[in-house]
Amino acid sequence: MQWKLFADLAEVAGTGQPTVETDAATVGGALSALLEAYPALADRVTDDDGELRDHVNLLREGEPATLDTPVDPDDELALFPPVSGG
């Protein structure tokens, strides 16, 4: 499964495009595998209950996704913090 991480999430992971080997059936399972491979991301991405933080955007194939969204092994998933400008 291919991930794309943006902004400070890429900095924390040390890469903007981590590849995570998993047979996850859902985005939540894939996210768990990502956080296991890159544990420094956990505090930035999930809250104390293990839920996705409200300010983190999660995409599957360029579309908004939830932790229950089904995934295929060749899907591209993306995480990015909120973007603001002025």
C-alpha atoms as a PDB file:
ATOM      1  CA  MET A   1       0.000   0.000   0.000  1.00  0.00           C
ATOM      2  CA  GLN A   2       1.392   3.381  -0.962  1.00  0.00           C
ATOM      3  CA  TRP A   3       1.010   6.363   1.345  1.00  0.00           C
ATOM      4  CA  LYS A   4       1.589  10.050   0.713  1.00  0.00           C
ATOM      5  CA  LEU A   5       2.323  12.243   3.706  1.00  0.00           C
ATOM      6  CA  PHE A   6       2.369  16.018   3.552  1.00  0.00           C
ATOM      7  CA  ALA A   7       3.863  18.919   5.509  1.00  0.00           C
ATOM      8  CA  ASP A   8       4.942  18.106   9.057  1.00  0.00           C
ATOM      9  CA  LEU A   9       3.681  14.516   8.771  1.00  0.00           C
ATOM     10  CA  ALA A  10       6.301  13.827   6.088  1.00  0.00           C
ATOM     11  CA  GLU A  11       8.944  15.468   8.265  1.00  0.00           C
ATOM     12  CA  VAL A  12       8.021  13.343  11.287  1.00  0.00           C
ATOM     13  CA  ALA A  13       8.068  10.125   9.231  1.00  0.00           C
ATOM     14  CA  GLY A  14      11.273  11.062   7.437  1.00  0.00           C
ATOM     15  CA  THR A  15       9.644  10.446   4.061  1.00  0.00           C
ATOM     16  CA  GLY A  16       6.701  11.754   2.108  1.00  0.00           C
ATOM     17  CA  GLN A  17       5.975   8.428   0.416  1.00  0.00           C
ATOM     18  CA  PRO A  18       6.252   5.512   2.824  1.00  0.00           C
ATOM     19  CA  THR A  19       5.354   2.079   1.502  1.00  0.00           C
ATOM     20  CA  VAL A  20       3.706  -0.183   4.059  1.00  0.00           C
ATOM     21  CA  GLU A  21       3.238  -3.894   3.534  1.00  0.00           C
ATOM     22  CA  THR A  22      -0.210  -4.880   4.782  1.00  0.00           C
ATOM     23  CA  ASP A  23      -3.188  -6.975   3.838  1.00  0.00           C
ATOM     24  CA  ALA A  24      -5.576  -4.536   5.509  1.00  0.00           C
ATOM     25  CA  ALA A  25      -9.175  -4.545   4.321  1.00  0.00           C
ATOM     26  CA  THR A  26      -9.954  -1.007   5.494  1.00  0.00           C
ATOM     27  CA  VAL A  27      -8.298   2.385   5.660  1.00  0.00           C
ATOM     28  CA  GLY A  28      -8.220   1.982   9.453  1.00  0.00           C
ATOM     29  CA  GLY A  29      -6.233  -1.237   9.144  1.00  0.00           C
ATOM     30  CA  ALA A  30      -3.848   0.397   6.695  1.00  0.00           C
ATOM     31  CA  LEU A  31      -3.443   3.359   9.036  1.00  0.00           C
ATOM     32  CA  SER A  32      -2.633   0.994  11.908  1.00  0.00           C
ATOM     33  CA  ALA A  33       0.078  -0.614   9.771  1.00  0.00           C
ATOM     34  CA  LEU A  34       1.478   2.828   8.885  1.00  0.00           C
ATOM     35  CA  LEU A  35       1.589   3.879  12.539  1.00  0.00           C
ATOM     36  CA  GLU A  36       3.247   0.603  13.491  1.00  0.00           C
ATOM     37  CA  ALA A  37       5.940   1.184  10.862  1.00  0.00           C
ATOM     38  CA  TYR A  38       6.275   4.908  11.738  1.00  0.00           C
ATOM     39  CA  PRO A  39       5.311   5.203  15.428  1.00  0.00           C
ATOM     40  CA  ALA A  40       6.369   8.861  15.643  1.00  0.00           C
ATOM     41  CA  LEU A  41       3.287   9.710  13.552  1.00  0.00           C
ATOM     42  CA  ALA A  42       0.818   8.358  16.104  1.00  0.00           C
ATOM     43  CA  ASP A  43       0.668  11.479  18.297  1.00  0.00           C
ATOM     44  CA  ARG A  44       0.165  13.707  15.256  1.00  0.00           C
ATOM     45  CA  VAL A  45      -2.481  11.557  13.566  1.00  0.00           C
ATOM     46  CA  THR A  46      -4.553   9.877  16.285  1.00  0.00           C
ATOM     47  CA  ASP A  47      -5.996  10.949  19.617  1.00  0.00           C
ATOM     48  CA  ASP A  48      -5.728   9.127  22.956  1.00  0.00           C
ATOM     49  CA  ASP A  49      -8.549   6.781  21.919  1.00  0.00           C
ATOM     50  CA  GLY A  50      -6.800   5.813  18.678  1.00  0.00           C
ATOM     51  CA  GLU A  51      -9.262   7.782  16.559  1.00  0.00           C
ATOM     52  CA  LEU A  52      -8.165   9.986  13.684  1.00  0.00           C
ATOM     53  CA  ARG A  53      -7.673  13.558  14.877  1.00  0.00           C
ATOM     54  CA  ASP A  54     -10.298  15.970  13.547  1.00  0.00           C
ATOM     55  CA  HIS A  55      -7.724  18.204  11.890  1.00  0.00           C
ATOM     56  CA  VAL A  56      -6.059  15.399   9.887  1.00  0.00           C
ATOM     57  CA  ASN A  57      -7.352  14.810   6.368  1.00  0.00           C
ATOM     58  CA  LEU A  58      -7.386  11.240   5.077  1.00  0.00           C
ATOM     59  CA  LEU A  59      -7.806  10.357   1.406  1.00  0.00           C
ATOM     60  CA  ARG A  60      -8.084   7.105  -0.553  1.00  0.00           C
ATOM     61  CA  GLU A  61      -7.398   7.457  -4.255  1.00  0.00           C
ATOM     62  CA  GLY A  62      -7.791  11.227  -3.934  1.00  0.00           C
ATOM     63  CA  GLU A  63     -11.221  11.067  -2.284  1.00  0.00           C
ATOM     64  CA  PRO A  64     -12.074  11.680   1.384  1.00  0.00           C
ATOM     65  CA  ALA A  65     -12.106   8.439   3.361  1.00  0.00           C
ATOM     66  CA  THR A  66     -13.073   7.172   6.793  1.00  0.00           C
ATOM     67  CA  LEU A  67     -11.376   4.461   8.816  1.00  0.00           C
ATOM     68  CA  ASP A  68     -14.097   2.040   7.634  1.00  0.00           C
ATOM     69  CA  THR A  69     -13.496   2.710   3.922  1.00  0.00           C
ATOM     70  CA  PRO A  70     -12.463  -0.511   2.105  1.00  0.00           C
ATOM     71  CA  VAL A  71      -9.017  -0.578   0.481  1.00  0.00           C
ATOM     72  CA  ASP A  72      -7.246  -2.596  -2.178  1.00  0.00           C
ATOM     73  CA  PRO A  73      -3.532  -3.480  -1.965  1.00  0.00           C
ATOM     74  CA  ASP A  74      -2.633  -1.101  -4.809  1.00  0.00           C
ATOM     75  CA  ASP A  75      -4.531   1.911  -3.409  1.00  0.00           C
ATOM     76  CA  GLU A  76      -2.854   5.209  -2.686  1.00  0.00           C
ATOM     77  CA  LEU A  77      -3.688   6.712   0.688  1.00  0.00           C
ATOM     78  CA  ALA A  78      -2.814  10.213   1.816  1.00  0.00           C
ATOM     79  CA  LEU A  79      -2.627  12.056   5.133  1.00  0.00           C
ATOM     80  CA  PHE A  80      -2.236  15.771   5.509  1.00  0.00           C
ATOM     81  CA  PRO A  81      -2.760  18.398   8.169  1.00  0.00           C
ATOM     82  CA  PRO A  82      -5.101  21.322   7.617  1.00  0.00           C
ATOM     83  CA  VAL A  83      -3.964  23.911   5.125  1.00  0.00           C
ATOM     84  CA  SER A  84      -4.459  27.552   5.876  1.00  0.00           C
ATOM     85  CA  GLY A  85      -3.457  30.649   4.068  1.00  0.00           C
ATOM     86  CA  GLY A  86      -4.099  34.274   3.916  1.00  0.00           C
END
